[in-house]
C-alpha atoms as a PDB file:
ATOM      1  CA  UNK A   1       3.739   3.972 -18.255  1.00  0.00           C
ATOM      2  CA  UNK A   2       1.118   5.697 -20.053  1.00  0.00           C
ATOM      3  CA  UNK A   3       0.156   9.211 -19.303  1.00  0.00           C
ATOM      4  CA  UNK A   4       3.536  10.138 -18.036  1.00  0.00           C
ATOM      5  CA  UNK A   5       2.551  13.758 -17.684  1.00  0.00           C
ATOM      6  CA  UNK A   6      -0.235  13.121 -15.639  1.00  0.00           C
ATOM      7  CA  UNK A   7       1.983  10.669 -13.393  1.00  0.00           C
ATOM      8  CA  UNK A   8       4.616  13.269 -13.171  1.00  0.00           C
ATOM      9  CA  UNK A   9       1.934  15.800 -11.761  1.00  0.00           C
ATOM     10  CA  UNK A  10       0.860  13.269  -9.166  1.00  0.00           C
ATOM     11  CA  UNK A  11       4.127  12.493  -8.036  1.00  0.00           C
ATOM     12  CA  UNK A  12       4.654  16.132  -7.664  1.00  0.00           C
ATOM     13  CA  UNK A  13       1.551  16.554  -5.682  1.00  0.00           C
ATOM     14  CA  UNK A  14       2.456  13.226  -3.422  1.00  0.00           C
ATOM     15  CA  UNK A  15       6.085  14.960  -2.852  1.00  0.00           C
ATOM     16  CA  UNK A  16       4.282  18.310  -1.757  1.00  0.00           C
ATOM     17  CA  UNK A  17       1.873  16.395   0.553  1.00  0.00           C
ATOM     18  CA  UNK A  18       4.890  14.347   2.239  1.00  0.00           C
ATOM     19  CA  UNK A  19       3.211  11.028   0.786  1.00  0.00           C
ATOM     20  CA  UNK A  20       5.842   8.448  -0.096  1.00  0.00           C
ATOM     21  CA  UNK A  21       4.728   5.512  -1.961  1.00  0.00           C
ATOM     22  CA  UNK A  22       3.723   4.008  -5.401  1.00  0.00           C
ATOM     23  CA  UNK A  23       0.995   5.748  -7.459  1.00  0.00           C
ATOM     24  CA  UNK A  24      -1.479   4.149  -9.305  1.00  0.00           C
ATOM     25  CA  UNK A  25      -3.739   6.301 -11.528  1.00  0.00           C
ATOM     26  CA  UNK A  26      -7.149   5.039 -12.329  1.00  0.00           C
ATOM     27  CA  UNK A  27      -9.418   6.748 -15.154  1.00  0.00           C
ATOM     28  CA  UNK A  28     -13.219   7.008 -14.785  1.00  0.00           C
ATOM     29  CA  UNK A  29     -15.817   8.274 -16.699  1.00  0.00           C
ATOM     30  CA  UNK A  30     -16.885  11.067 -14.261  1.00  0.00           C
ATOM     31  CA  UNK A  31     -16.102  14.433 -13.152  1.00  0.00           C
ATOM     32  CA  UNK A  32     -14.627  13.276  -9.752  1.00  0.00           C
ATOM     33  CA  UNK A  33     -11.286  12.626  -8.297  1.00  0.00           C
ATOM     34  CA  UNK A  34     -10.681  10.475  -5.166  1.00  0.00           C
ATOM     35  CA  UNK A  35      -7.982   8.390  -3.506  1.00  0.00           C
ATOM     36  CA  UNK A  36      -7.259   5.676  -1.592  1.00  0.00           C
ATOM     37  CA  UNK A  37      -4.244   4.050   0.377  1.00  0.00           C
ATOM     38  CA  UNK A  38      -3.233   0.350   0.528  1.00  0.00           C
ATOM     39  CA  UNK A  39      -0.242   0.189   2.806  1.00  0.00           C
ATOM     40  CA  UNK A  40       2.190   2.209   0.563  1.00  0.00           C
ATOM     41  CA  UNK A  41       0.478   2.214  -2.732  1.00  0.00           C
ATOM     42  CA  UNK A  42      -1.714   5.245  -3.463  1.00  0.00           C
ATOM     43  CA  UNK A  43      -5.002   4.604  -6.207  1.00  0.00           C
ATOM     44  CA  UNK A  44      -5.715   7.969  -7.186  1.00  0.00           C
ATOM     45  CA  UNK A  45      -9.067   8.012  -9.463  1.00  0.00           C
ATOM     46  CA  UNK A  46      -9.307  10.857 -11.932  1.00  0.00           C
ATOM     47  CA  UNK A  47     -12.336  11.381 -13.948  1.00  0.00           C
ATOM     48  CA  UNK A  48     -11.756  11.739 -17.848  1.00  0.00           C
ATOM     49  CA  UNK A  49     -13.761  15.028 -17.900  1.00  0.00           C
ATOM     50  CA  UNK A  50     -11.482  16.719 -15.434  1.00  0.00           C
ATOM     51  CA  UNK A  51      -8.666  15.967 -17.738  1.00  0.00           C
ATOM     52  CA  UNK A  52     -10.377  17.318 -20.792  1.00  0.00           C
ATOM     53  CA  UNK A  53     -11.117  20.689 -19.084  1.00  0.00           C
ATOM     54  CA  UNK A  54      -8.603  21.464 -16.291  1.00  0.00           C
ATOM     55  CA  UNK A  55      -5.239  23.035 -17.152  1.00  0.00           C
ATOM     56  CA  UNK A  56      -1.772  21.308 -15.915  1.00  0.00           C
ATOM     57  CA  UNK A  57      -1.953  23.811 -12.623  1.00  0.00           C
ATOM     58  CA  UNK A  58      -5.469  22.878 -12.083  1.00  0.00           C
ATOM     59  CA  UNK A  59      -4.846  18.972 -11.944  1.00  0.00           C
ATOM     60  CA  UNK A  60      -2.080  19.350  -9.792  1.00  0.00           C
ATOM     61  CA  UNK A  61      -4.204  21.268  -7.118  1.00  0.00           C
ATOM     62  CA  UNK A  62      -6.896  18.467  -7.476  1.00  0.00           C
ATOM     63  CA  UNK A  63      -4.310  15.948  -6.876  1.00  0.00           C
ATOM     64  CA  UNK A  64      -2.497  18.098  -4.204  1.00  0.00           C
ATOM     65  CA  UNK A  65      -6.254  17.985  -2.682  1.00  0.00           C
ATOM     66  CA  UNK A  66      -6.397  14.249  -2.656  1.00  0.00           C
ATOM     67  CA  UNK A  67      -2.889  13.529  -1.486  1.00  0.00           C
ATOM     68  CA  UNK A  68      -3.792  15.951   1.535  1.00  0.00           C
ATOM     69  CA  UNK A  69      -6.089  13.614   2.858  1.00  0.00           C
ATOM     70  CA  UNK A  70      -3.340  11.409   3.831  1.00  0.00           C
ATOM     71  CA  UNK A  71      -0.941  13.960   5.408  1.00  0.00           C
ATOM     72  CA  UNK A  72      -0.348  13.024   9.336  1.00  0.00           C
ATOM     73  CA  UNK A  73      -1.929  15.805  10.327  1.00  0.00           C
ATOM     74  CA  UNK A  74      -5.126  15.333   8.597  1.00  0.00           C
ATOM     75  CA  UNK A  75      -5.427  11.686   9.109  1.00  0.00           C
ATOM     76  CA  UNK A  76      -5.452  12.393  12.887  1.00  0.00           C
ATOM     77  CA  UNK A  77      -7.939  15.037  12.548  1.00  0.00           C
ATOM     78  CA  UNK A  78     -10.121  12.687  10.293  1.00  0.00           C
ATOM     79  CA  UNK A  79      -9.601  10.102  12.915  1.00  0.00           C
ATOM     80  CA  UNK A  80     -10.601  12.487  15.473  1.00  0.00           C
ATOM     81  CA  UNK A  81     -13.979  13.424  13.721  1.00  0.00           C
ATOM     82  CA  UNK A  82     -14.816   9.972  12.859  1.00  0.00           C
ATOM     83  CA  UNK A  83     -14.494   8.903  16.412  1.00  0.00           C
ATOM     84  CA  UNK A  84     -16.344  11.810  17.546  1.00  0.00           C
ATOM     85  CA  UNK A  85     -19.358  11.354  15.320  1.00  0.00           C
ATOM     86  CA  UNK A  86     -19.065   7.553  15.745  1.00  0.00           C
ATOM     87  CA  UNK A  87     -19.644   7.899  19.514  1.00  0.00           C
ATOM     88  CA  UNK A  88     -22.420  10.722  19.073  1.00  0.00           C
ATOM     89  CA  UNK A  89     -24.227   8.185  16.527  1.00  0.00           C
ATOM     90  CA  UNK A  90     -24.035   5.635  19.415  1.00  0.00           C
ATOM     91  CA  UNK A  91     -25.334   7.832  22.026  1.00  0.00           C
ATOM     92  CA  UNK A  92     -28.201   9.161  19.664  1.00  0.00           C
ATOM     93  CA  UNK A  93     -29.380   5.568  18.868  1.00  0.00           C
ATOM     94  CA  UNK A  94     -28.370   3.489  21.807  1.00  0.00           C
ATOM     95  CA  UNK A  95     -31.609   1.729  23.361  1.00  0.00           C
ATOM     96  CA  UNK A  96     -31.599   1.524  27.303  1.00  0.00           C
ATOM     97  CA  UNK A  97     -32.105  -1.644  28.639  1.00  0.00           C
ATOM     98  CA  UNK A  98     -34.561  -1.595  31.828  1.00  0.00           C
ATOM     99  CA  UNK A  99     -32.241  -2.536  35.337  1.00  0.00           C
ATOM    100  CA  UNK A 100     -32.840  -5.937  36.147  1.00  0.00           C
ATOM    101  CA  UNK A 101     -34.104  -6.349  39.995  1.00  0.00           C
END
């Protein structure tokens, strides 16, 4: 694979977060990082700007943050938050129909 050092950092962060699966790193032209999961594959997007300005320890911290989105505790909390926000949104935007007599 290309970028063995970067993949090593990502694998170390995934293991520290308890995330198991293949990792695909996608480089982008921005200054951001994100992660998506599709079954047992993680797609870690990292901006090349970050690669140029951060140390290996800082990149590890960024990767650790991204993989933390997929820890069991965090997924449960995020699901609860999304469900609560969705319910609140429905309550706030629902149109009450007049009762039929």
